[in-house]
Amino acid sequence: MLSKEAAKLKEMIVKAIQDHELTTTEYEKILALANADINIDPQERQLLLQLHELVSSGGVKRVPG
């Protein structure tokens, strides 16, 4: 079961994946949420890694905004 923070993080990351783009604002919100409790748990770490890999591979494009 995902923690509350991990569930919200997953929701934000899934939206970016579905949109195939990630705005600077969305990215900042994702990082802020991940760091909100000062502890990035394994679930959050995996979600962040997945997003990073998609951005690196071009599956999700970083855009201004």
PDB file of N, CA and C in Angstrom:
ATOM      1  N   MET A   1       0.841  -1.188   0.000  1.00  0.00           N
ATOM      2  CA  MET A   1       0.000   0.000   0.000  1.00  0.00           C
ATOM      3  C   MET A   1       0.882   1.247   0.000  1.00  0.00           C
ATOM      4  N   LEU A   2       0.552   2.195  -0.841  1.00  0.00           N
ATOM      5  CA  LEU A   2       1.320   3.424  -0.933  1.00  0.00           C
ATOM      6  C   LEU A   2       0.995   4.356   0.221  1.00  0.00           C
ATOM      7  N   SER A   3       2.010   5.078   0.678  1.00  0.00           N
ATOM      8  CA  SER A   3       1.780   6.118   1.670  1.00  0.00           C
ATOM      9  C   SER A   3       0.978   7.230   1.003  1.00  0.00           C
ATOM     10  N   LYS A   4       0.422   8.127   1.807  1.00  0.00           N
ATOM     11  CA  LYS A   4      -0.366   9.237   1.276  1.00  0.00           C
ATOM     12  C   LYS A   4       0.478  10.082   0.321  1.00  0.00           C
ATOM     13  N   GLU A   5       1.716  10.364   0.719  1.00  0.00           N
ATOM     14  CA  GLU A   5       2.601  11.169  -0.114  1.00  0.00           C
ATOM     15  C   GLU A   5       2.948  10.437  -1.407  1.00  0.00           C
ATOM     16  N   ALA A   6       3.235   9.140  -1.298  1.00  0.00           N
ATOM     17  CA  ALA A   6       3.586   8.354  -2.479  1.00  0.00           C
ATOM     18  C   ALA A   6       2.400   8.253  -3.440  1.00  0.00           C
ATOM     19  N   ALA A   7       1.190   8.152  -2.905  1.00  0.00           N
ATOM     20  CA  ALA A   7       0.000   8.081  -3.751  1.00  0.00           C
ATOM     21  C   ALA A   7      -0.184   9.379  -4.528  1.00  0.00           C
ATOM     22  N   LYS A   8       0.012  10.519  -3.871  1.00  0.00           N
ATOM     23  CA  LYS A   8      -0.115  11.816  -4.541  1.00  0.00           C
ATOM     24  C   LYS A   8       1.000  11.978  -5.570  1.00  0.00           C
ATOM     25  N   LEU A   9       2.199  11.557  -5.195  1.00  0.00           N
ATOM     26  CA  LEU A   9       3.338  11.616  -6.105  1.00  0.00           C
ATOM     27  C   LEU A   9       3.059  10.769  -7.351  1.00  0.00           C
ATOM     28  N   LYS A  10       2.534   9.572  -7.129  1.00  0.00           N
ATOM     29  CA  LYS A  10       2.197   8.685  -8.246  1.00  0.00           C
ATOM     30  C   LYS A  10       1.174   9.338  -9.163  1.00  0.00           C
ATOM     31  N   GLU A  11       0.175   9.974  -8.581  1.00  0.00           N
ATOM     32  CA  GLU A  11      -0.856  10.646  -9.364  1.00  0.00           C
ATOM     33  C   GLU A  11      -0.241  11.731 -10.254  1.00  0.00           C
ATOM     34  N   MET A  12       0.673  12.512  -9.702  1.00  0.00           N
ATOM     35  CA  MET A  12       1.311  13.584 -10.460  1.00  0.00           C
ATOM     36  C   MET A  12       2.204  13.027 -11.571  1.00  0.00           C
ATOM     37  N   ILE A  13       2.927  11.960 -11.264  1.00  0.00           N
ATOM     38  CA  ILE A  13       3.820  11.355 -12.248  1.00  0.00           C
ATOM     39  C   ILE A  13       3.025  10.680 -13.361  1.00  0.00           C
ATOM     40  N   VAL A  14       1.956   9.989 -13.014  1.00  0.00           N
ATOM     41  CA  VAL A  14       1.103   9.349 -14.025  1.00  0.00           C
ATOM     42  C   VAL A  14       0.526  10.400 -14.964  1.00  0.00           C
ATOM     43  N   LYS A  15       0.125  11.555 -14.423  1.00  0.00           N
ATOM     44  CA  LYS A  15      -0.395  12.634 -15.264  1.00  0.00           C
ATOM     45  C   LYS A  15       0.675  13.092 -16.252  1.00  0.00           C
ATOM     46  N   ALA A  16       1.896  13.263 -15.781  1.00  0.00           N
ATOM     47  CA  ALA A  16       2.986  13.683 -16.675  1.00  0.00           C
ATOM     48  C   ALA A  16       3.231  12.638 -17.759  1.00  0.00           C
ATOM     49  N   ILE A  17       3.175  11.374 -17.388  1.00  0.00           N
ATOM     50  CA  ILE A  17       3.384  10.296 -18.357  1.00  0.00           C
ATOM     51  C   ILE A  17       2.268  10.300 -19.400  1.00  0.00           C
ATOM     52  N   GLN A  18       1.032  10.450 -18.952  1.00  0.00           N
ATOM     53  CA  GLN A  18      -0.099  10.458 -19.881  1.00  0.00           C
ATOM     54  C   GLN A  18      -0.055  11.661 -20.817  1.00  0.00           C
ATOM     55  N   ASP A  19       0.399  12.807 -20.282  1.00  0.00           N
ATOM     56  CA  ASP A  19       0.505  14.024 -21.095  1.00  0.00           C
ATOM     57  C   ASP A  19       1.738  14.002 -22.000  1.00  0.00           C
ATOM     58  N   HIS A  20       2.700  13.120 -21.681  1.00  0.00           N
ATOM     59  CA  HIS A  20       3.984  13.051 -22.376  1.00  0.00           C
ATOM     60  C   HIS A  20       4.783  14.342 -22.223  1.00  0.00           C
ATOM     61  N   GLU A  21       4.454  15.119 -21.188  1.00  0.00           N
ATOM     62  CA  GLU A  21       5.230  16.316 -20.907  1.00  0.00           C
ATOM     63  C   GLU A  21       5.144  16.660 -19.432  1.00  0.00           C
ATOM     64  N   LEU A  22       6.156  17.393 -18.996  1.00  0.00           N
ATOM     65  CA  LEU A  22       6.279  17.773 -17.598  1.00  0.00           C
ATOM     66  C   LEU A  22       6.717  19.225 -17.549  1.00  0.00           C
ATOM     67  N   THR A  23       5.859  20.079 -17.002  1.00  0.00           N
ATOM     68  CA  THR A  23       6.227  21.488 -16.907  1.00  0.00           C
ATOM     69  C   THR A  23       7.199  21.685 -15.750  1.00  0.00           C
ATOM     70  N   THR A  24       7.890  22.801 -15.792  1.00  0.00           N
ATOM     71  CA  THR A  24       8.809  23.140 -14.708  1.00  0.00           C
ATOM     72  C   THR A  24       8.053  23.214 -13.389  1.00  0.00           C
ATOM     73  N   THR A  25       6.865  23.800 -13.409  1.00  0.00           N
ATOM     74  CA  THR A  25       6.049  23.912 -12.199  1.00  0.00           C
ATOM     75  C   THR A  25       5.654  22.542 -11.667  1.00  0.00           C
ATOM     76  N   GLU A  26       5.227  21.647 -12.554  1.00  0.00           N
ATOM     77  CA  GLU A  26       4.873  20.290 -12.127  1.00  0.00           C
ATOM     78  C   GLU A  26       6.083  19.578 -11.527  1.00  0.00           C
ATOM     79  N   TYR A  27       7.226  19.737 -12.171  1.00  0.00           N
ATOM     80  CA  TYR A  27       8.451  19.110 -11.684  1.00  0.00           C
ATOM     81  C   TYR A  27       8.802  19.615 -10.286  1.00  0.00           C
ATOM     82  N   GLU A  28       8.711  20.924 -10.091  1.00  0.00           N
ATOM     83  CA  GLU A  28       8.999  21.508  -8.780  1.00  0.00           C
ATOM     84  C   GLU A  28       8.018  21.004  -7.721  1.00  0.00           C
ATOM     85  N   LYS A  29       6.745  20.866  -8.087  1.00  0.00           N
ATOM     86  CA  LYS A  29       5.741  20.348  -7.152  1.00  0.00           C
ATOM     87  C   LYS A  29       6.036  18.891  -6.793  1.00  0.00           C
ATOM     88  N   ILE A  30       6.451  18.110  -7.778  1.00  0.00           N
ATOM     89  CA  ILE A  30       6.793  16.710  -7.530  1.00  0.00           C
ATOM     90  C   ILE A  30       7.957  16.616  -6.547  1.00  0.00           C
ATOM     91  N   LEU A  31       8.998  17.414  -6.781  1.00  0.00           N
ATOM     92  CA  LEU A  31      10.149  17.395  -5.870  1.00  0.00           C
ATOM     93  C   LEU A  31       9.771  17.874  -4.477  1.00  0.00           C
ATOM     94  N   ALA A  32       8.958  18.914  -4.403  1.00  0.00           N
ATOM     95  CA  ALA A  32       8.533  19.430  -3.103  1.00  0.00           C
ATOM     96  C   ALA A  32       7.728  18.375  -2.348  1.00  0.00           C
ATOM     97  N   LEU A  33       6.846  17.686  -3.039  1.00  0.00           N
ATOM     98  CA  LEU A  33       6.040  16.647  -2.406  1.00  0.00           C
ATOM     99  C   LEU A  33       6.917  15.497  -1.935  1.00  0.00           C
ATOM    100  N   ALA A  34       7.858  15.099  -2.766  1.00  0.00           N
ATOM    101  CA  ALA A  34       8.756  13.996  -2.399  1.00  0.00           C
ATOM    102  C   ALA A  34       9.578  14.345  -1.163  1.00  0.00           C
ATOM    103  N   ASN A  35       9.959  15.606  -1.039  1.00  0.00           N
ATOM    104  CA  ASN A  35      10.798  16.036   0.076  1.00  0.00           C
ATOM    105  C   ASN A  35      10.011  16.592   1.257  1.00  0.00           C
ATOM    106  N   ALA A  36       8.697  16.620   1.167  1.00  0.00           N
ATOM    107  CA  ALA A  36       7.862  17.247   2.199  1.00  0.00           C
ATOM    108  C   ALA A  36       8.095  16.674   3.589  1.00  0.00           C
ATOM    109  N   ASP A  37       8.273  15.382   3.673  1.00  0.00           N
ATOM    110  CA  ASP A  37       8.443  14.768   4.993  1.00  0.00           C
ATOM    111  C   ASP A  37       9.921  14.498   5.309  1.00  0.00           C
ATOM    112  N   ILE A  38      10.807  15.079   4.546  1.00  0.00           N
ATOM    113  CA  ILE A  38      12.265  14.972   4.715  1.00  0.00           C
ATOM    114  C   ILE A  38      12.772  13.543   4.501  1.00  0.00           C
ATOM    115  N   ASN A  39      11.908  12.640   4.109  1.00  0.00           N
ATOM    116  CA  ASN A  39      12.310  11.251   3.924  1.00  0.00           C
ATOM    117  C   ASN A  39      11.683  10.722   2.642  1.00  0.00           C
ATOM    118  N   ILE A  40      12.510  10.414   1.674  1.00  0.00           N
ATOM    119  CA  ILE A  40      12.006   9.823   0.436  1.00  0.00           C
ATOM    120  C   ILE A  40      11.983   8.313   0.639  1.00  0.00           C
ATOM    121  N   ASP A  41      10.768   7.769   0.768  1.00  0.00           N
ATOM    122  CA  ASP A  41      10.654   6.331   1.031  1.00  0.00           C
ATOM    123  C   ASP A  41      10.889   5.551  -0.264  1.00  0.00           C
ATOM    124  N   PRO A  42      11.055   4.241  -0.173  1.00  0.00           N
ATOM    125  CA  PRO A  42      11.353   3.433  -1.365  1.00  0.00           C
ATOM    126  C   PRO A  42      10.313   3.573  -2.485  1.00  0.00           C
ATOM    127  N   GLN A  43       9.053   3.711  -2.132  1.00  0.00           N
ATOM    128  CA  GLN A  43       8.009   3.866  -3.150  1.00  0.00           C
ATOM    129  C   GLN A  43       8.188   5.182  -3.897  1.00  0.00           C
ATOM    130  N   GLU A  44       8.437   6.251  -3.141  1.00  0.00           N
ATOM    131  CA  GLU A  44       8.644   7.553  -3.767  1.00  0.00           C
ATOM    132  C   GLU A  44       9.909   7.537  -4.627  1.00  0.00           C
ATOM    133  N   ARG A  45      10.950   6.913  -4.117  1.00  0.00           N
ATOM    134  CA  ARG A  45      12.219   6.828  -4.856  1.00  0.00           C
ATOM    135  C   ARG A  45      12.006   6.121  -6.193  1.00  0.00           C
ATOM    136  N   GLN A  46      11.247   5.029  -6.194  1.00  0.00           N
ATOM    137  CA  GLN A  46      10.986   4.279  -7.420  1.00  0.00           C
ATOM    138  C   GLN A  46      10.195   5.124  -8.418  1.00  0.00           C
ATOM    139  N   LEU A  47       9.199   5.854  -7.932  1.00  0.00           N
ATOM    140  CA  LEU A  47       8.411   6.714  -8.815  1.00  0.00           C
ATOM    141  C   LEU A  47       9.271   7.819  -9.425  1.00  0.00           C
ATOM    142  N   LEU A  48      10.121   8.421  -8.608  1.00  0.00           N
ATOM    143  CA  LEU A  48      11.004   9.473  -9.103  1.00  0.00           C
ATOM    144  C   LEU A  48      11.992   8.922 -10.128  1.00  0.00           C
ATOM    145  N   LEU A  49      12.504   7.740  -9.867  1.00  0.00           N
ATOM    146  CA  LEU A  49      13.425   7.104 -10.798  1.00  0.00           C
ATOM    147  C   LEU A  49      12.738   6.830 -12.133  1.00  0.00           C
ATOM    148  N   GLN A  50      11.517   6.330 -12.074  1.00  0.00           N
ATOM    149  CA  GLN A  50      10.759   6.058 -13.290  1.00  0.00           C
ATOM    150  C   GLN A  50      10.558   7.344 -14.093  1.00  0.00           C
ATOM    151  N   LEU A  51      10.190   8.428 -13.415  1.00  0.00           N
ATOM    152  CA  LEU A  51       9.989   9.696 -14.107  1.00  0.00           C
ATOM    153  C   LEU A  51      11.299  10.179 -14.724  1.00  0.00           C
ATOM    154  N   HIS A  52      12.376  10.103 -13.967  1.00  0.00           N
ATOM    155  CA  HIS A  52      13.680  10.542 -14.470  1.00  0.00           C
ATOM    156  C   HIS A  52      14.070   9.746 -15.718  1.00  0.00           C
ATOM    157  N   GLU A  53      13.847   8.443 -15.694  1.00  0.00           N
ATOM    158  CA  GLU A  53      14.183   7.605 -16.847  1.00  0.00           C
ATOM    159  C   GLU A  53      13.359   7.995 -18.072  1.00  0.00           C
ATOM    160  N   LEU A  54      12.081   8.298 -17.858  1.00  0.00           N
ATOM    161  CA  LEU A  54      11.217   8.693 -18.975  1.00  0.00           C
ATOM    162  C   LEU A  54      11.628  10.046 -19.543  1.00  0.00           C
ATOM    163  N   VAL A  55      12.031  10.963 -18.673  1.00  0.00           N
ATOM    164  CA  VAL A  55      12.502  12.263 -19.147  1.00  0.00           C
ATOM    165  C   VAL A  55      13.809  12.078 -19.921  1.00  0.00           C
ATOM    166  N   SER A  56      14.707  11.267 -19.384  1.00  0.00           N
ATOM    167  CA  SER A  56      16.001  11.034 -20.038  1.00  0.00           C
ATOM    168  C   SER A  56      15.848  10.366 -21.403  1.00  0.00           C
ATOM    169  N   SER A  57      14.883   9.456 -21.515  1.00  0.00           N
ATOM    170  CA  SER A  57      14.687   8.727 -22.764  1.00  0.00           C
ATOM    171  C   SER A  57      13.821   9.494 -23.770  1.00  0.00           C
ATOM    172  N   GLY A  58      13.222  10.592 -23.322  1.00  0.00           N
ATOM    173  CA  GLY A  58      12.357  11.376 -24.210  1.00  0.00           C
ATOM    174  C   GLY A  58      10.910  10.949 -24.173  1.00  0.00           C
ATOM    175  N   GLY A  59      10.577   9.970 -23.354  1.00  0.00           N
ATOM    176  CA  GLY A  59       9.202   9.526 -23.227  1.00  0.00           C
ATOM    177  C   GLY A  59       8.305  10.584 -22.604  1.00  0.00           C
ATOM    178  N   VAL A  60       8.916  11.401 -21.757  1.00  0.00           N
ATOM    179  CA  VAL A  60       8.247  12.551 -21.158  1.00  0.00           C
ATOM    180  C   VAL A  60       9.146  13.746 -21.429  1.00  0.00           C
ATOM    181  N   LYS A  61       8.576  14.783 -22.024  1.00  0.00           N
ATOM    182  CA  LYS A  61       9.357  15.957 -22.412  1.00  0.00           C
ATOM    183  C   LYS A  61       9.201  17.060 -21.362  1.00  0.00           C
ATOM    184  N   ARG A  62      10.334  17.653 -20.956  1.00  0.00           N
ATOM    185  CA  ARG A  62      10.303  18.812 -20.059  1.00  0.00           C
ATOM    186  C   ARG A  62       9.954  20.042 -20.874  1.00  0.00           C
ATOM    187  N   VAL A  63       8.958  20.799 -20.409  1.00  0.00           N
ATOM    188  CA  VAL A  63       8.517  22.011 -21.107  1.00  0.00           C
ATOM    189  C   VAL A  63       8.437  23.160 -20.110  1.00  0.00           C
ATOM    190  N   PRO A  64       8.541  24.397 -20.605  1.00  0.00           N
ATOM    191  CA  PRO A  64       8.390  25.548 -19.708  1.00  0.00           C
ATOM    192  C   PRO A  64       6.967  25.613 -19.182  1.00  0.00           C
ATOM    193  N   GLY A  65       6.834  26.261 -18.054  1.00  0.00           N
ATOM    194  CA  GLY A  65       5.476  26.457 -17.536  1.00  0.00           C
ATOM    195  C   GLY A  65       5.335  26.167 -16.100  1.00  0.00           C
TER     196      GLY A  65
END
